C-alpha cells in the first residue's frame, strides 16, 4: 500500500507518483520494462483510491517534463525511450548540482530563504515578479551586489478552509 493518509497535503500525493515514475525511468533500461513498471504504478495508485484522471494528468505532466524535444509532444515508444531516459538523467544530475550549489551558498552565508503562505493563485507569476524586483534592487545597490547573495522562495501551502472542514468526523450539536 502507498504511504497514504488523509491528512497529507495534495502535493505529497503528486510527489509520490512522480518519484515512482522517475525511479522506474532510472532502473528500466528498456522501454518494455518501463511500460510494465508504469502500468504497475498506475494500478497501485488506482487500487489505493486515486482517480484515473489524476493518473492520466500526472503521466502527461511527467512525459512533458522529461521531453527532450520541447517543440514536439512526447510520444514515448521503444525508439524515443533512450532520449527520454537521457533527459531524465540529465535533469536529475542538474538537480544534484543545484543542491550542491545551494549547500555551498548556505555554507558561505550567501543564501536567503523566504517562506510565504500559498493558498491559491499564480505562484509562478508571483515568483517571477519577486525575482525581477529583487534583481533590480541588487543591481542598484553596490553594497548588496558585492555579497553575491542568492534568494530562494519557498511556499507553505495553506489549506486552512479545507483543513477545518475535513479535520475530523465530529458532529457539532
N, C-alpha and C. Protein backbone atom coordinates (compact mmCIF):
# COMPACT_ATOMS: atom_id res chain seq x y z
N UNK A 1 0.83 -1.19 0.00
CA UNK A 1 0.00 0.00 0.00
C UNK A 1 0.87 1.25 0.00
N UNK A 2 0.30 2.30 -0.53
CA UNK A 2 1.01 3.57 -0.60
C UNK A 2 1.02 4.27 0.75
N UNK A 3 1.96 5.17 0.96
CA UNK A 3 2.01 5.92 2.22
C UNK A 3 0.92 6.98 2.23
N UNK A 4 -0.32 6.55 2.14
CA UNK A 4 -1.45 7.46 2.01
C UNK A 4 -2.08 7.71 3.37
N UNK A 5 -2.32 8.95 3.63
CA UNK A 5 -3.02 9.34 4.84
C UNK A 5 -3.85 10.55 4.47
N UNK A 6 -5.07 10.61 4.95
CA UNK A 6 -5.97 11.68 4.50
C UNK A 6 -5.49 13.07 4.89
N UNK A 7 -4.61 13.17 5.87
CA UNK A 7 -4.17 14.50 6.30
C UNK A 7 -2.95 15.00 5.53
N UNK A 8 -2.38 14.17 4.64
CA UNK A 8 -1.25 14.64 3.84
C UNK A 8 -1.72 15.66 2.81
N UNK A 9 -0.95 16.72 2.60
CA UNK A 9 -1.31 17.68 1.55
C UNK A 9 -1.29 17.01 0.18
N UNK A 10 -2.08 17.56 -0.73
CA UNK A 10 -2.16 17.01 -2.09
C UNK A 10 -0.80 16.96 -2.77
N UNK A 11 0.07 17.89 -2.42
CA UNK A 11 1.40 17.94 -3.02
C UNK A 11 2.16 16.63 -2.82
N UNK A 12 2.02 16.01 -1.64
CA UNK A 12 2.72 14.75 -1.37
C UNK A 12 2.27 13.66 -2.33
N UNK A 13 0.98 13.62 -2.62
CA UNK A 13 0.45 12.58 -3.49
C UNK A 13 1.04 12.70 -4.90
N UNK A 14 1.16 13.93 -5.39
CA UNK A 14 1.78 14.15 -6.70
C UNK A 14 3.24 13.74 -6.66
N UNK A 15 3.92 14.05 -5.57
CA UNK A 15 5.35 13.73 -5.46
C UNK A 15 5.59 12.23 -5.43
N UNK A 16 4.71 11.48 -4.75
CA UNK A 16 4.87 10.02 -4.71
C UNK A 16 4.74 9.43 -6.10
N UNK A 17 3.76 9.89 -6.84
CA UNK A 17 3.53 9.38 -8.18
C UNK A 17 4.73 9.70 -9.08
N UNK A 18 5.16 10.94 -9.04
CA UNK A 18 6.30 11.38 -9.87
C UNK A 18 7.57 10.64 -9.47
N UNK A 19 7.81 10.48 -8.17
CA UNK A 19 9.01 9.78 -7.70
C UNK A 19 9.01 8.32 -8.16
N UNK A 20 7.86 7.68 -8.15
CA UNK A 20 7.77 6.29 -8.61
C UNK A 20 8.10 6.20 -10.10
N UNK A 21 7.60 7.15 -10.88
CA UNK A 21 7.89 7.15 -12.32
C UNK A 21 9.37 7.45 -12.60
N UNK A 22 9.94 8.37 -11.84
CA UNK A 22 11.37 8.68 -12.01
C UNK A 22 12.21 7.46 -11.68
N UNK A 23 11.88 6.80 -10.59
CA UNK A 23 12.62 5.59 -10.21
C UNK A 23 12.51 4.52 -11.30
N UNK A 24 11.32 4.38 -11.88
CA UNK A 24 11.13 3.41 -12.97
C UNK A 24 12.01 3.78 -14.16
N UNK A 25 12.06 5.06 -14.50
CA UNK A 25 12.90 5.51 -15.61
C UNK A 25 14.38 5.28 -15.36
N UNK A 26 14.79 5.39 -14.10
CA UNK A 26 16.20 5.18 -13.76
C UNK A 26 16.58 3.70 -13.84
N UNK A 27 15.69 2.83 -13.38
CA UNK A 27 16.04 1.42 -13.28
C UNK A 27 15.71 0.59 -14.51
N UNK A 28 14.81 1.05 -15.34
CA UNK A 28 14.39 0.27 -16.50
C UNK A 28 15.17 0.70 -17.74
N UNK A 29 16.04 -0.17 -18.21
CA UNK A 29 16.86 0.18 -19.37
C UNK A 29 16.13 -0.03 -20.69
N UNK A 30 15.06 -0.79 -20.69
CA UNK A 30 14.31 -0.98 -21.93
C UNK A 30 12.92 -0.37 -21.80
N UNK A 31 12.37 -0.01 -22.94
CA UNK A 31 11.04 0.59 -22.98
C UNK A 31 9.99 -0.38 -22.43
N UNK A 32 10.12 -1.65 -22.78
CA UNK A 32 9.14 -2.65 -22.35
C UNK A 32 9.13 -2.78 -20.83
N UNK A 33 10.31 -2.79 -20.21
CA UNK A 33 10.38 -2.85 -18.75
C UNK A 33 9.76 -1.61 -18.12
N UNK A 34 10.05 -0.44 -18.71
CA UNK A 34 9.47 0.80 -18.19
C UNK A 34 7.94 0.77 -18.29
N UNK A 35 7.42 0.29 -19.42
CA UNK A 35 5.96 0.21 -19.58
C UNK A 35 5.34 -0.71 -18.55
N UNK A 36 5.98 -1.85 -18.30
CA UNK A 36 5.46 -2.78 -17.27
C UNK A 36 5.45 -2.10 -15.90
N UNK A 37 6.53 -1.41 -15.58
CA UNK A 37 6.62 -0.73 -14.29
C UNK A 37 5.61 0.41 -14.20
N UNK A 38 5.44 1.16 -15.28
CA UNK A 38 4.47 2.26 -15.31
C UNK A 38 3.06 1.72 -15.08
N UNK A 39 2.72 0.62 -15.74
CA UNK A 39 1.40 0.01 -15.54
C UNK A 39 1.21 -0.45 -14.10
N UNK A 40 2.25 -1.03 -13.52
CA UNK A 40 2.19 -1.47 -12.13
C UNK A 40 1.95 -0.27 -11.20
N UNK A 41 2.65 0.83 -11.46
CA UNK A 41 2.49 2.05 -10.65
C UNK A 41 1.07 2.58 -10.79
N UNK A 42 0.57 2.64 -12.02
CA UNK A 42 -0.79 3.13 -12.25
C UNK A 42 -1.81 2.26 -11.53
N UNK A 43 -1.68 0.94 -11.64
CA UNK A 43 -2.62 0.03 -10.98
C UNK A 43 -2.54 0.16 -9.46
N UNK A 44 -1.34 0.36 -8.94
CA UNK A 44 -1.18 0.54 -7.49
C UNK A 44 -1.91 1.79 -7.03
N UNK A 45 -1.77 2.88 -7.77
CA UNK A 45 -2.45 4.11 -7.39
C UNK A 45 -3.96 3.97 -7.55
N UNK A 46 -4.41 3.29 -8.61
CA UNK A 46 -5.85 3.06 -8.78
C UNK A 46 -6.40 2.21 -7.64
N UNK A 47 -5.66 1.17 -7.24
CA UNK A 47 -6.10 0.30 -6.15
C UNK A 47 -6.14 1.04 -4.82
N UNK A 48 -5.39 2.12 -4.71
CA UNK A 48 -5.38 2.90 -3.47
C UNK A 48 -6.31 4.11 -3.52
N UNK A 49 -7.21 4.13 -4.49
CA UNK A 49 -8.26 5.14 -4.50
C UNK A 49 -8.00 6.38 -5.31
N UNK A 50 -6.91 6.44 -6.05
CA UNK A 50 -6.65 7.60 -6.89
C UNK A 50 -7.47 7.48 -8.17
N UNK A 51 -7.90 8.60 -8.70
CA UNK A 51 -8.74 8.58 -9.89
C UNK A 51 -7.91 8.37 -11.15
N UNK A 52 -8.58 7.90 -12.18
CA UNK A 52 -7.92 7.73 -13.47
C UNK A 52 -7.52 9.08 -14.04
N UNK A 53 -8.31 10.12 -13.78
CA UNK A 53 -7.96 11.47 -14.22
C UNK A 53 -6.66 11.94 -13.58
N UNK A 54 -6.50 11.68 -12.28
CA UNK A 54 -5.26 12.02 -11.57
C UNK A 54 -4.07 11.36 -12.24
N UNK A 55 -4.20 10.08 -12.53
CA UNK A 55 -3.10 9.31 -13.11
C UNK A 55 -2.78 9.81 -14.52
N UNK A 56 -3.79 9.99 -15.35
CA UNK A 56 -3.56 10.46 -16.72
C UNK A 56 -2.90 11.84 -16.72
N UNK A 57 -3.39 12.72 -15.86
CA UNK A 57 -2.86 14.08 -15.79
C UNK A 57 -1.38 14.07 -15.41
N UNK A 58 -1.03 13.28 -14.40
CA UNK A 58 0.35 13.28 -13.93
C UNK A 58 1.29 12.50 -14.85
N UNK A 59 0.79 11.52 -15.56
CA UNK A 59 1.60 10.85 -16.59
C UNK A 59 1.92 11.86 -17.68
N UNK A 60 0.93 12.62 -18.10
CA UNK A 60 1.13 13.63 -19.15
C UNK A 60 2.15 14.67 -18.70
N UNK A 61 2.02 15.15 -17.46
CA UNK A 61 2.98 16.13 -16.94
C UNK A 61 4.38 15.56 -16.84
N UNK A 62 4.48 14.31 -16.43
CA UNK A 62 5.78 13.64 -16.32
C UNK A 62 6.45 13.55 -17.69
N UNK A 63 5.71 13.12 -18.69
CA UNK A 63 6.27 12.99 -20.04
C UNK A 63 6.63 14.35 -20.62
N UNK A 64 5.83 15.37 -20.31
CA UNK A 64 6.14 16.72 -20.77
C UNK A 64 7.40 17.24 -20.11
N UNK A 65 7.55 16.97 -18.82
CA UNK A 65 8.70 17.47 -18.06
C UNK A 65 10.02 16.91 -18.58
N UNK A 66 10.02 15.64 -18.97
CA UNK A 66 11.25 15.00 -19.41
C UNK A 66 11.29 14.78 -20.92
N UNK A 67 10.58 15.60 -21.64
CA UNK A 67 10.58 15.54 -23.09
C UNK A 67 11.85 16.20 -23.62
N UNK A 68 12.71 15.45 -24.32
CA UNK A 68 13.95 16.06 -24.82
C UNK A 68 13.73 17.06 -25.96
N UNK A 69 12.59 16.99 -26.62
CA UNK A 69 12.29 17.90 -27.73
C UNK A 69 11.03 18.68 -27.38
N UNK A 70 11.21 19.91 -26.89
CA UNK A 70 10.08 20.70 -26.42
C UNK A 70 9.14 21.14 -27.54
N UNK A 71 9.63 21.12 -28.79
CA UNK A 71 8.79 21.57 -29.90
C UNK A 71 7.74 20.53 -30.28
N UNK A 72 8.00 19.27 -30.01
CA UNK A 72 7.05 18.21 -30.36
C UNK A 72 6.54 17.53 -29.09
N UNK A 73 5.27 17.15 -29.07
CA UNK A 73 4.76 16.42 -27.90
C UNK A 73 5.44 15.05 -27.80
N UNK A 74 5.58 14.59 -26.58
CA UNK A 74 6.27 13.32 -26.34
C UNK A 74 5.39 12.15 -26.72
N UNK A 75 5.88 11.33 -27.63
CA UNK A 75 5.25 10.07 -27.98
C UNK A 75 6.22 8.98 -27.55
N UNK A 76 6.06 8.51 -26.34
CA UNK A 76 7.02 7.57 -25.78
C UNK A 76 6.83 6.19 -26.40
N UNK A 77 7.88 5.68 -27.01
CA UNK A 77 7.87 4.34 -27.59
C UNK A 77 9.30 3.79 -27.51
N UNK A 78 9.52 2.61 -28.06
CA UNK A 78 10.85 1.99 -27.93
C UNK A 78 11.93 2.78 -28.65
N UNK A 79 11.55 3.64 -29.61
CA UNK A 79 12.54 4.42 -30.34
C UNK A 79 12.87 5.74 -29.63
N UNK A 80 11.93 6.28 -28.91
CA UNK A 80 12.16 7.56 -28.22
C UNK A 80 12.56 7.37 -26.75
N UNK A 81 12.46 6.14 -26.25
CA UNK A 81 12.71 5.90 -24.82
C UNK A 81 14.13 6.27 -24.41
N UNK A 82 15.12 5.98 -25.24
CA UNK A 82 16.50 6.28 -24.88
C UNK A 82 16.73 7.78 -24.70
N UNK A 83 16.20 8.60 -25.61
CA UNK A 83 16.38 10.06 -25.47
C UNK A 83 15.59 10.58 -24.26
N UNK A 84 14.42 10.00 -24.01
CA UNK A 84 13.64 10.35 -22.83
C UNK A 84 14.44 10.04 -21.56
N UNK A 85 15.03 8.86 -21.53
CA UNK A 85 15.79 8.43 -20.35
C UNK A 85 17.03 9.29 -20.15
N UNK A 86 17.70 9.66 -21.24
CA UNK A 86 18.86 10.55 -21.14
C UNK A 86 18.46 11.91 -20.56
N UNK A 87 17.31 12.43 -20.99
CA UNK A 87 16.81 13.70 -20.45
C UNK A 87 16.49 13.57 -18.97
N UNK A 88 15.92 12.45 -18.58
CA UNK A 88 15.62 12.18 -17.17
C UNK A 88 16.90 12.22 -16.34
N UNK A 89 17.95 11.54 -16.79
CA UNK A 89 19.22 11.54 -16.06
C UNK A 89 19.86 12.92 -16.06
N UNK A 90 19.75 13.65 -17.17
CA UNK A 90 20.30 15.00 -17.24
C UNK A 90 19.63 15.89 -16.20
N UNK A 91 18.32 15.80 -16.09
CA UNK A 91 17.58 16.62 -15.11
C UNK A 91 17.95 16.24 -13.68
N UNK A 92 18.11 14.96 -13.43
CA UNK A 92 18.48 14.52 -12.08
C UNK A 92 19.88 15.01 -11.73
N UNK A 93 20.81 14.93 -12.69
CA UNK A 93 22.16 15.45 -12.46
C UNK A 93 22.14 16.95 -12.21
N UNK A 94 21.32 17.68 -12.95
CA UNK A 94 21.20 19.13 -12.76
C UNK A 94 20.66 19.44 -11.37
N UNK A 95 19.69 18.65 -10.93
CA UNK A 95 19.14 18.83 -9.58
C UNK A 95 20.22 18.63 -8.52
N UNK A 96 21.06 17.63 -8.71
CA UNK A 96 22.15 17.38 -7.76
C UNK A 96 23.13 18.55 -7.74
N UNK A 97 23.47 19.07 -8.93
CA UNK A 97 24.38 20.22 -8.99
C UNK A 97 23.76 21.44 -8.31
N UNK A 98 22.47 21.66 -8.54
CA UNK A 98 21.78 22.79 -7.90
C UNK A 98 21.79 22.64 -6.39
N UNK A 99 21.58 21.42 -5.90
CA UNK A 99 21.59 21.18 -4.46
C UNK A 99 22.97 21.45 -3.87
N UNK A 100 24.02 21.00 -4.56
CA UNK A 100 25.38 21.27 -4.08
C UNK A 100 25.68 22.76 -4.06
N UNK A 101 25.23 23.46 -5.10
CA UNK A 101 25.43 24.92 -5.14
C UNK A 101 24.69 25.59 -4.00
N UNK A 102 23.46 25.14 -3.74
CA UNK A 102 22.69 25.71 -2.64
C UNK A 102 23.36 25.45 -1.30
N UNK A 103 23.90 24.26 -1.11
CA UNK A 103 24.60 23.95 0.14
C UNK A 103 25.84 24.82 0.30
N UNK A 104 26.54 25.06 -0.80
CA UNK A 104 27.72 25.92 -0.76
C UNK A 104 27.33 27.36 -0.42
N UNK A 105 26.24 27.83 -1.00
CA UNK A 105 25.76 29.18 -0.70
C UNK A 105 25.37 29.30 0.78
N UNK A 106 24.72 28.27 1.31
CA UNK A 106 24.35 28.28 2.73
C UNK A 106 25.60 28.30 3.60
N UNK A 107 26.57 27.51 3.23
CA UNK A 107 27.81 27.44 3.99
C UNK A 107 28.51 28.80 4.02
N UNK A 108 28.46 29.52 2.91
CA UNK A 108 29.10 30.83 2.80
C UNK A 108 28.19 31.99 3.22
N UNK A 109 27.02 31.65 3.76
CA UNK A 109 26.04 32.65 4.21
C UNK A 109 25.65 33.62 3.08
N UNK A 110 25.44 33.06 1.90
CA UNK A 110 25.05 33.87 0.75
C UNK A 110 23.65 33.52 0.26
N UNK A 111 22.94 32.70 1.01
CA UNK A 111 21.60 32.28 0.59
C UNK A 111 20.56 32.82 1.55
N UNK A 112 19.56 33.46 1.00
CA UNK A 112 18.43 33.95 1.78
C UNK A 112 17.22 33.12 1.35
N UNK A 113 16.60 32.46 2.31
CA UNK A 113 15.40 31.67 2.01
C UNK A 113 14.20 32.36 2.64
N UNK A 114 13.22 32.62 1.82
CA UNK A 114 11.98 33.24 2.29
C UNK A 114 10.83 32.25 2.13
N UNK A 115 10.00 32.18 3.14
CA UNK A 115 8.84 31.30 3.10
C UNK A 115 7.59 32.17 3.11
N UNK A 116 6.63 31.82 2.29
CA UNK A 116 5.37 32.55 2.28
C UNK A 116 4.23 31.57 2.12
N UNK A 117 3.08 31.96 2.64
CA UNK A 117 1.89 31.11 2.56
C UNK A 117 1.32 31.17 1.15
N UNK A 118 1.02 30.03 0.61
CA UNK A 118 0.42 29.95 -0.71
C UNK A 118 -0.89 29.21 -0.58
N UNK A 119 -1.96 29.89 -0.85
CA UNK A 119 -3.27 29.27 -0.74
C UNK A 119 -3.81 28.94 -2.12
N UNK A 120 -3.83 29.92 -2.99
CA UNK A 120 -4.40 29.71 -4.32
C UNK A 120 -3.95 30.84 -5.22
N UNK A 121 -3.76 30.58 -6.49
CA UNK A 121 -3.41 31.63 -7.43
C UNK A 121 -2.18 31.28 -8.23
N UNK A 122 -1.63 32.28 -8.87
CA UNK A 122 -0.50 32.07 -9.76
C UNK A 122 0.82 32.25 -9.01
N UNK A 123 1.29 31.17 -8.43
CA UNK A 123 2.54 31.19 -7.68
C UNK A 123 3.72 31.51 -8.59
N UNK A 124 3.70 30.95 -9.79
CA UNK A 124 4.80 31.17 -10.73
C UNK A 124 4.92 32.65 -11.09
N UNK A 125 3.78 33.29 -11.32
CA UNK A 125 3.78 34.71 -11.67
C UNK A 125 4.31 35.54 -10.51
N UNK A 126 3.91 35.21 -9.29
CA UNK A 126 4.40 35.91 -8.12
C UNK A 126 5.91 35.77 -8.01
N UNK A 127 6.41 34.55 -8.16
CA UNK A 127 7.85 34.31 -8.05
C UNK A 127 8.63 35.09 -9.10
N UNK A 128 8.15 35.11 -10.34
CA UNK A 128 8.84 35.85 -11.40
C UNK A 128 8.91 37.34 -11.08
N UNK A 129 7.79 37.89 -10.63
CA UNK A 129 7.75 39.31 -10.30
C UNK A 129 8.69 39.61 -9.13
N UNK A 130 8.68 38.74 -8.13
CA UNK A 130 9.55 38.94 -6.98
C UNK A 130 11.01 38.93 -7.39
N UNK A 131 11.42 37.93 -8.18
CA UNK A 131 12.82 37.85 -8.63
C UNK A 131 13.20 39.05 -9.50
N UNK A 132 12.26 39.56 -10.26
CA UNK A 132 12.50 40.75 -11.08
C UNK A 132 12.79 41.95 -10.17
N UNK A 133 11.96 42.14 -9.16
CA UNK A 133 12.18 43.24 -8.21
C UNK A 133 13.49 43.05 -7.45
N UNK A 134 13.77 41.83 -7.03
CA UNK A 134 14.99 41.52 -6.30
C UNK A 134 16.22 41.87 -7.15
N UNK A 135 16.22 41.49 -8.40
CA UNK A 135 17.35 41.79 -9.30
C UNK A 135 17.54 43.29 -9.46
N UNK A 136 16.44 44.01 -9.57
CA UNK A 136 16.51 45.46 -9.71
C UNK A 136 17.15 46.09 -8.47
N UNK A 137 16.74 45.64 -7.31
CA UNK A 137 17.28 46.18 -6.06
C UNK A 137 18.77 45.88 -5.95
N UNK A 138 19.16 44.64 -6.23
CA UNK A 138 20.56 44.24 -6.13
C UNK A 138 21.43 45.02 -7.11
N UNK A 139 20.95 45.21 -8.33
CA UNK A 139 21.72 45.94 -9.35
C UNK A 139 21.93 47.40 -8.97
N UNK A 140 20.99 47.98 -8.24
CA UNK A 140 21.07 49.39 -7.88
C UNK A 140 21.91 49.64 -6.63
N UNK A 141 22.14 48.62 -5.85
CA UNK A 141 22.87 48.80 -4.59
C UNK A 141 24.22 48.09 -4.66
N UNK A 142 25.31 48.83 -4.85
CA UNK A 142 26.63 48.20 -4.96
C UNK A 142 27.07 47.48 -3.69
N UNK A 143 26.57 47.94 -2.55
CA UNK A 143 26.92 47.31 -1.28
C UNK A 143 26.35 45.89 -1.22
N UNK A 144 25.09 45.74 -1.62
CA UNK A 144 24.48 44.41 -1.64
C UNK A 144 25.07 43.53 -2.74
N UNK A 145 25.40 44.14 -3.85
CA UNK A 145 25.90 43.40 -5.00
C UNK A 145 27.21 42.67 -4.69
N UNK A 146 28.04 43.25 -3.86
CA UNK A 146 29.34 42.64 -3.57
C UNK A 146 29.22 41.34 -2.77
N UNK A 147 28.09 41.14 -2.07
CA UNK A 147 27.90 39.92 -1.28
C UNK A 147 27.48 38.72 -2.13
N UNK A 148 27.08 38.98 -3.38
CA UNK A 148 26.64 37.93 -4.31
C UNK A 148 25.60 37.02 -3.66
N UNK A 149 24.57 37.64 -3.12
CA UNK A 149 23.51 36.90 -2.44
C UNK A 149 22.57 36.25 -3.45
N UNK A 150 22.06 35.10 -3.08
CA UNK A 150 21.02 34.41 -3.84
C UNK A 150 19.80 34.33 -2.95
N UNK A 151 18.65 34.39 -3.56
CA UNK A 151 17.41 34.29 -2.79
C UNK A 151 16.60 33.13 -3.32
N UNK A 152 15.96 32.42 -2.40
CA UNK A 152 15.14 31.27 -2.77
C UNK A 152 13.78 31.43 -2.10
N UNK A 153 12.74 31.38 -2.91
CA UNK A 153 11.38 31.47 -2.39
C UNK A 153 10.83 30.07 -2.17
N UNK A 154 10.25 29.85 -1.01
CA UNK A 154 9.64 28.57 -0.68
C UNK A 154 8.20 28.83 -0.24
N UNK A 155 7.32 27.96 -0.66
CA UNK A 155 5.92 28.15 -0.29
C UNK A 155 5.53 27.19 0.83
N UNK A 156 4.64 27.68 1.64
CA UNK A 156 3.97 26.84 2.63
C UNK A 156 2.51 26.84 2.20
N UNK A 157 1.99 25.66 1.96
CA UNK A 157 0.61 25.58 1.49
C UNK A 157 -0.35 25.83 2.63
N UNK A 158 -1.35 26.57 2.33
CA UNK A 158 -2.34 26.95 3.33
C UNK A 158 -3.66 26.28 2.97
N UNK A 159 -3.97 25.23 3.66
CA UNK A 159 -5.22 24.53 3.40
C UNK A 159 -6.20 24.79 4.54
N UNK A 160 -6.20 26.00 5.05
CA UNK A 160 -6.95 26.29 6.27
C UNK A 160 -8.44 25.96 6.14
N UNK A 161 -9.09 26.41 5.08
CA UNK A 161 -10.52 26.17 4.98
C UNK A 161 -10.80 24.69 4.78
N UNK A 162 -10.02 24.03 3.93
CA UNK A 162 -10.22 22.59 3.72
C UNK A 162 -9.89 21.81 4.98
N UNK A 163 -8.84 22.21 5.67
CA UNK A 163 -8.43 21.52 6.87
C UNK A 163 -9.50 21.63 7.95
N UNK A 164 -10.06 22.81 8.10
CA UNK A 164 -11.10 23.00 9.11
C UNK A 164 -12.34 22.17 8.79
N UNK A 165 -12.69 22.09 7.52
CA UNK A 165 -13.88 21.33 7.14
C UNK A 165 -13.67 19.83 7.20
N UNK A 166 -12.47 19.37 6.90
CA UNK A 166 -12.22 17.94 6.80
C UNK A 166 -11.38 17.39 7.93
N UNK A 167 -11.14 18.17 8.96
CA UNK A 167 -10.24 17.75 10.03
C UNK A 167 -10.73 16.49 10.73
N UNK A 168 -11.99 16.44 11.07
CA UNK A 168 -12.49 15.26 11.78
C UNK A 168 -13.94 15.01 11.39
N UNK A 169 -14.41 13.87 11.81
CA UNK A 169 -15.80 13.50 11.53
C UNK A 169 -16.71 13.84 12.70
N UNK A 170 -16.25 14.69 13.58
CA UNK A 170 -17.01 15.06 14.76
C UNK A 170 -18.23 15.88 14.35
N UNK A 171 -19.36 15.52 14.90
CA UNK A 171 -20.57 16.30 14.63
C UNK A 171 -20.76 17.29 15.76
N UNK A 172 -21.17 18.48 15.38
CA UNK A 172 -21.39 19.53 16.37
C UNK A 172 -22.88 19.68 16.61
N UNK A 173 -23.26 19.76 17.87
CA UNK A 173 -24.67 19.92 18.24
C UNK A 173 -25.02 21.35 18.49
